[in-house]
Amino acid sequence: MIHVKKWHEMNINFPSVDERYIKGKVEDGFYSNATEVVRDAVRRMRERDESPHARLMAALEAGEQAIREGRTAPYTPDFLDECEKRARQNLAEGKELNPDVLP
């Protein structure tokens, strides 16, 4: 088992194939210890999840899910006006706005 400790103690159990991979990265000199390997992997995963591409893909998936579930509305000028009205109202009420939908 590889023990990872930084701010709070955390024990992580990896399957043997992953443990060998992590130890190999350290032995090859890519990282100085297992903590660095795991920290780099988590940072890369976080960056991927937080990227604009990831947000776009999540929005597309949510839209496709809404279509599959029949939750759709006709895309008309009235619909757009209503969306803008709701966004402005939420802004006036101090509600946090979705950065993808701004008035």
N, C-alpha and C. Protein backbone atom coordinates (compact mmCIF):
# COMPACT_ATOMS: atom_id res chain seq x y z
N MET A 1 0.85 -1.18 0.00
CA MET A 1 0.00 0.00 0.00
C MET A 1 0.89 1.23 0.00
N ILE A 2 0.48 2.24 -0.77
CA ILE A 2 1.18 3.51 -0.79
C ILE A 2 0.47 4.44 0.18
N HIS A 3 1.24 5.07 1.03
CA HIS A 3 0.68 5.99 2.02
C HIS A 3 0.90 7.41 1.55
N VAL A 4 -0.18 8.17 1.44
CA VAL A 4 -0.11 9.56 0.99
C VAL A 4 -0.50 10.44 2.17
N LYS A 5 0.39 11.38 2.53
CA LYS A 5 0.09 12.24 3.68
C LYS A 5 0.54 13.66 3.35
N LYS A 6 -0.32 14.62 3.60
CA LYS A 6 0.06 16.03 3.43
C LYS A 6 -0.61 16.80 4.56
N TRP A 7 -1.72 17.47 4.24
CA TRP A 7 -2.39 18.29 5.24
C TRP A 7 -3.17 17.43 6.22
N HIS A 8 -3.85 16.46 5.72
CA HIS A 8 -4.60 15.52 6.55
C HIS A 8 -4.13 14.13 6.19
N GLU A 9 -4.13 13.27 7.15
CA GLU A 9 -3.69 11.93 6.85
C GLU A 9 -4.72 11.24 5.97
N MET A 10 -4.22 10.57 4.94
CA MET A 10 -5.10 9.88 4.01
C MET A 10 -4.41 8.60 3.56
N ASN A 11 -5.08 7.50 3.71
CA ASN A 11 -4.56 6.24 3.21
C ASN A 11 -5.33 5.88 1.96
N ILE A 12 -4.60 5.57 0.92
CA ILE A 12 -5.22 5.21 -0.34
C ILE A 12 -4.73 3.83 -0.73
N ASN A 13 -5.64 2.94 -0.99
CA ASN A 13 -5.28 1.60 -1.44
C ASN A 13 -5.45 1.51 -2.94
N PHE A 14 -4.37 1.15 -3.63
CA PHE A 14 -4.39 1.00 -5.07
C PHE A 14 -4.31 -0.47 -5.43
N PRO A 15 -4.92 -0.84 -6.54
CA PRO A 15 -4.69 -2.21 -7.04
C PRO A 15 -3.19 -2.36 -7.33
N SER A 16 -2.71 -3.57 -7.30
CA SER A 16 -1.27 -3.80 -7.46
C SER A 16 -0.73 -3.23 -8.78
N VAL A 17 -1.51 -3.28 -9.83
CA VAL A 17 -1.05 -2.75 -11.12
C VAL A 17 -0.81 -1.24 -11.02
N ASP A 18 -1.68 -0.52 -10.32
CA ASP A 18 -1.51 0.92 -10.15
C ASP A 18 -0.35 1.23 -9.19
N GLU A 19 -0.22 0.42 -8.16
CA GLU A 19 0.88 0.63 -7.22
C GLU A 19 2.22 0.44 -7.92
N ARG A 20 2.33 -0.58 -8.77
CA ARG A 20 3.57 -0.79 -9.52
C ARG A 20 3.83 0.39 -10.45
N TYR A 21 2.79 0.90 -11.07
CA TYR A 21 2.93 2.04 -11.98
C TYR A 21 3.45 3.27 -11.22
N ILE A 22 2.86 3.55 -10.08
CA ILE A 22 3.27 4.71 -9.27
C ILE A 22 4.72 4.54 -8.81
N LYS A 23 5.04 3.37 -8.30
CA LYS A 23 6.42 3.12 -7.86
C LYS A 23 7.39 3.22 -9.03
N GLY A 24 6.97 2.78 -10.20
CA GLY A 24 7.82 2.88 -11.38
C GLY A 24 8.11 4.33 -11.76
N LYS A 25 7.11 5.19 -11.63
CA LYS A 25 7.30 6.62 -11.92
C LYS A 25 8.34 7.22 -10.97
N VAL A 26 8.28 6.82 -9.71
CA VAL A 26 9.25 7.31 -8.73
C VAL A 26 10.63 6.74 -9.04
N GLU A 27 10.70 5.43 -9.29
CA GLU A 27 11.99 4.79 -9.57
C GLU A 27 12.63 5.35 -10.84
N ASP A 28 11.81 5.70 -11.84
CA ASP A 28 12.34 6.26 -13.08
C ASP A 28 12.77 7.72 -12.93
N GLY A 29 12.50 8.32 -11.77
CA GLY A 29 12.92 9.68 -11.52
C GLY A 29 11.97 10.75 -12.00
N PHE A 30 10.78 10.35 -12.46
CA PHE A 30 9.79 11.34 -12.88
C PHE A 30 9.26 12.13 -11.69
N TYR A 31 9.17 11.48 -10.54
CA TYR A 31 8.68 12.09 -9.30
C TYR A 31 9.60 11.65 -8.17
N SER A 32 9.65 12.46 -7.11
CA SER A 32 10.52 12.09 -5.99
C SER A 32 9.85 11.14 -5.01
N ASN A 33 8.53 11.10 -5.03
CA ASN A 33 7.83 10.17 -4.13
C ASN A 33 6.40 9.92 -4.65
N ALA A 34 5.72 8.98 -4.03
CA ALA A 34 4.38 8.59 -4.45
C ALA A 34 3.38 9.73 -4.27
N THR A 35 3.57 10.55 -3.26
CA THR A 35 2.67 11.68 -3.03
C THR A 35 2.66 12.61 -4.23
N GLU A 36 3.83 12.88 -4.78
CA GLU A 36 3.90 13.74 -5.96
C GLU A 36 3.18 13.14 -7.15
N VAL A 37 3.27 11.84 -7.32
CA VAL A 37 2.58 11.17 -8.43
C VAL A 37 1.08 11.36 -8.29
N VAL A 38 0.56 11.08 -7.11
CA VAL A 38 -0.88 11.18 -6.87
C VAL A 38 -1.33 12.63 -6.97
N ARG A 39 -0.57 13.54 -6.39
CA ARG A 39 -0.92 14.97 -6.45
C ARG A 39 -0.99 15.45 -7.90
N ASP A 40 -0.03 15.05 -8.73
CA ASP A 40 -0.03 15.45 -10.13
C ASP A 40 -1.23 14.85 -10.87
N ALA A 41 -1.55 13.61 -10.58
CA ALA A 41 -2.70 12.98 -11.23
C ALA A 41 -4.00 13.68 -10.86
N VAL A 42 -4.16 14.02 -9.60
CA VAL A 42 -5.37 14.71 -9.14
C VAL A 42 -5.44 16.11 -9.74
N ARG A 43 -4.31 16.82 -9.79
CA ARG A 43 -4.28 18.16 -10.39
C ARG A 43 -4.69 18.10 -11.85
N ARG A 44 -4.16 17.14 -12.58
CA ARG A 44 -4.52 17.00 -14.00
C ARG A 44 -6.00 16.67 -14.17
N MET A 45 -6.52 15.82 -13.31
CA MET A 45 -7.93 15.47 -13.37
C MET A 45 -8.80 16.70 -13.06
N ARG A 46 -8.40 17.47 -12.06
CA ARG A 46 -9.15 18.67 -11.69
C ARG A 46 -9.13 19.69 -12.83
N GLU A 47 -7.95 19.88 -13.44
CA GLU A 47 -7.86 20.81 -14.57
C GLU A 47 -8.74 20.37 -15.73
N ARG A 48 -8.77 19.08 -15.99
CA ARG A 48 -9.61 18.57 -17.06
C ARG A 48 -11.09 18.80 -16.75
N ASP A 49 -11.46 18.53 -15.53
CA ASP A 49 -12.87 18.69 -15.13
C ASP A 49 -13.30 20.15 -15.14
N GLU A 50 -12.38 21.05 -14.83
CA GLU A 50 -12.72 22.46 -14.73
C GLU A 50 -12.51 23.22 -16.04
N SER A 51 -12.05 22.55 -17.04
CA SER A 51 -11.74 23.22 -18.30
C SER A 51 -13.01 23.67 -19.01
N PRO A 52 -12.91 24.69 -19.86
CA PRO A 52 -14.08 25.13 -20.63
C PRO A 52 -14.65 24.00 -21.49
N HIS A 53 -13.78 23.15 -22.00
CA HIS A 53 -14.26 22.02 -22.80
C HIS A 53 -15.14 21.10 -21.95
N ALA A 54 -14.69 20.83 -20.73
CA ALA A 54 -15.47 19.95 -19.86
C ALA A 54 -16.82 20.59 -19.54
N ARG A 55 -16.84 21.91 -19.31
CA ARG A 55 -18.11 22.59 -19.05
C ARG A 55 -19.02 22.51 -20.26
N LEU A 56 -18.46 22.70 -21.44
CA LEU A 56 -19.25 22.61 -22.66
C LEU A 56 -19.82 21.21 -22.82
N MET A 57 -18.99 20.21 -22.62
CA MET A 57 -19.46 18.83 -22.77
C MET A 57 -20.55 18.51 -21.74
N ALA A 58 -20.42 19.01 -20.54
CA ALA A 58 -21.44 18.78 -19.51
C ALA A 58 -22.75 19.46 -19.90
N ALA A 59 -22.66 20.68 -20.45
CA ALA A 59 -23.86 21.40 -20.89
C ALA A 59 -24.53 20.67 -22.04
N LEU A 60 -23.73 20.16 -22.97
CA LEU A 60 -24.30 19.41 -24.10
C LEU A 60 -24.99 18.13 -23.61
N GLU A 61 -24.37 17.46 -22.68
CA GLU A 61 -24.97 16.24 -22.14
C GLU A 61 -26.28 16.56 -21.42
N ALA A 62 -26.29 17.65 -20.66
CA ALA A 62 -27.53 18.05 -19.97
C ALA A 62 -28.62 18.37 -20.99
N GLY A 63 -28.25 19.04 -22.09
CA GLY A 63 -29.22 19.35 -23.13
C GLY A 63 -29.75 18.10 -23.81
N GLU A 64 -28.85 17.16 -24.10
CA GLU A 64 -29.28 15.91 -24.72
C GLU A 64 -30.19 15.12 -23.80
N GLN A 65 -29.88 15.15 -22.50
CA GLN A 65 -30.73 14.46 -21.52
C GLN A 65 -32.12 15.10 -21.48
N ALA A 66 -32.17 16.43 -21.51
CA ALA A 66 -33.46 17.13 -21.51
C ALA A 66 -34.27 16.75 -22.75
N ILE A 67 -33.61 16.66 -23.89
CA ILE A 67 -34.31 16.27 -25.12
C ILE A 67 -34.86 14.85 -24.99
N ARG A 68 -34.03 13.93 -24.49
CA ARG A 68 -34.49 12.54 -24.31
C ARG A 68 -35.70 12.47 -23.39
N GLU A 69 -35.73 13.35 -22.38
CA GLU A 69 -36.82 13.34 -21.40
C GLU A 69 -37.99 14.21 -21.83
N GLY A 70 -37.90 14.82 -23.00
CA GLY A 70 -39.00 15.64 -23.51
C GLY A 70 -39.11 17.00 -22.85
N ARG A 71 -38.07 17.44 -22.16
CA ARG A 71 -38.07 18.75 -21.52
C ARG A 71 -37.49 19.77 -22.49
N THR A 72 -38.27 20.20 -23.43
CA THR A 72 -37.81 21.15 -24.43
C THR A 72 -38.81 22.30 -24.56
N ALA A 73 -38.35 23.37 -25.17
CA ALA A 73 -39.21 24.52 -25.44
C ALA A 73 -38.85 25.04 -26.83
N PRO A 74 -39.84 25.54 -27.56
CA PRO A 74 -39.52 26.09 -28.89
C PRO A 74 -38.58 27.29 -28.77
N TYR A 75 -37.63 27.37 -29.65
CA TYR A 75 -36.63 28.45 -29.66
C TYR A 75 -37.23 29.61 -30.46
N THR A 76 -37.88 30.50 -29.75
CA THR A 76 -38.57 31.63 -30.39
C THR A 76 -38.10 32.94 -29.77
N PRO A 77 -38.37 34.06 -30.41
CA PRO A 77 -38.02 35.36 -29.79
C PRO A 77 -38.66 35.53 -28.41
N ASP A 78 -39.90 35.07 -28.24
CA ASP A 78 -40.56 35.17 -26.93
C ASP A 78 -39.81 34.36 -25.87
N PHE A 79 -39.36 33.17 -26.25
CA PHE A 79 -38.60 32.33 -25.32
C PHE A 79 -37.32 33.03 -24.90
N LEU A 80 -36.60 33.60 -25.86
CA LEU A 80 -35.36 34.31 -25.55
C LEU A 80 -35.63 35.52 -24.66
N ASP A 81 -36.70 36.25 -24.93
CA ASP A 81 -37.05 37.39 -24.08
C ASP A 81 -37.32 36.93 -22.65
N GLU A 82 -38.02 35.81 -22.50
CA GLU A 82 -38.32 35.28 -21.16
C GLU A 82 -37.03 34.86 -20.45
N CYS A 83 -36.10 34.23 -21.17
CA CYS A 83 -34.82 33.84 -20.57
C CYS A 83 -34.06 35.07 -20.08
N GLU A 84 -34.02 36.10 -20.90
CA GLU A 84 -33.32 37.33 -20.52
C GLU A 84 -34.00 37.97 -19.31
N LYS A 85 -35.31 37.98 -19.30
CA LYS A 85 -36.07 38.57 -18.19
C LYS A 85 -35.73 37.84 -16.88
N ARG A 86 -35.72 36.50 -16.92
CA ARG A 86 -35.41 35.72 -15.72
C ARG A 86 -33.97 35.97 -15.27
N ALA A 87 -33.05 36.06 -16.23
CA ALA A 87 -31.65 36.31 -15.89
C ALA A 87 -31.48 37.67 -15.22
N ARG A 88 -32.15 38.68 -15.78
CA ARG A 88 -32.06 40.02 -15.19
C ARG A 88 -32.70 40.06 -13.80
N GLN A 89 -33.80 39.34 -13.63
CA GLN A 89 -34.47 39.28 -12.33
C GLN A 89 -33.56 38.60 -11.31
N ASN A 90 -32.93 37.49 -11.70
CA ASN A 90 -32.00 36.80 -10.80
C ASN A 90 -30.82 37.70 -10.44
N LEU A 91 -30.33 38.45 -11.40
CA LEU A 91 -29.24 39.38 -11.15
C LEU A 91 -29.66 40.46 -10.16
N ALA A 92 -30.85 41.01 -10.35
CA ALA A 92 -31.37 42.05 -9.46
C ALA A 92 -31.57 41.53 -8.04
N GLU A 93 -31.89 40.24 -7.92
CA GLU A 93 -32.09 39.62 -6.60
C GLU A 93 -30.79 39.14 -5.98
N GLY A 94 -29.68 39.37 -6.70
CA GLY A 94 -28.38 38.97 -6.16
C GLY A 94 -28.08 37.50 -6.26
N LYS A 95 -28.85 36.78 -7.05
CA LYS A 95 -28.61 35.35 -7.22
C LYS A 95 -27.39 35.16 -8.11
N GLU A 96 -26.66 34.10 -7.81
CA GLU A 96 -25.48 33.79 -8.62
C GLU A 96 -25.95 33.34 -10.00
N LEU A 97 -25.37 33.94 -11.02
CA LEU A 97 -25.75 33.62 -12.38
C LEU A 97 -24.84 32.52 -12.94
N ASN A 98 -25.42 31.72 -13.81
CA ASN A 98 -24.64 30.73 -14.54
C ASN A 98 -23.77 31.50 -15.52
N PRO A 99 -22.46 31.30 -15.50
CA PRO A 99 -21.59 32.08 -16.39
C PRO A 99 -21.85 31.81 -17.87
N ASP A 100 -22.54 30.72 -18.17
CA ASP A 100 -22.87 30.43 -19.56
C ASP A 100 -24.15 31.11 -20.03
N VAL A 101 -24.89 31.72 -19.08
CA VAL A 101 -26.16 32.37 -19.42
C VAL A 101 -26.18 33.75 -18.77
N LEU A 102 -25.79 34.74 -19.50
CA LEU A 102 -25.74 36.09 -18.95
C LEU A 102 -26.66 37.02 -19.77
N PRO A 103 -27.27 38.02 -19.10
CA PRO A 103 -28.13 38.96 -19.83
C PRO A 103 -27.31 39.88 -20.73
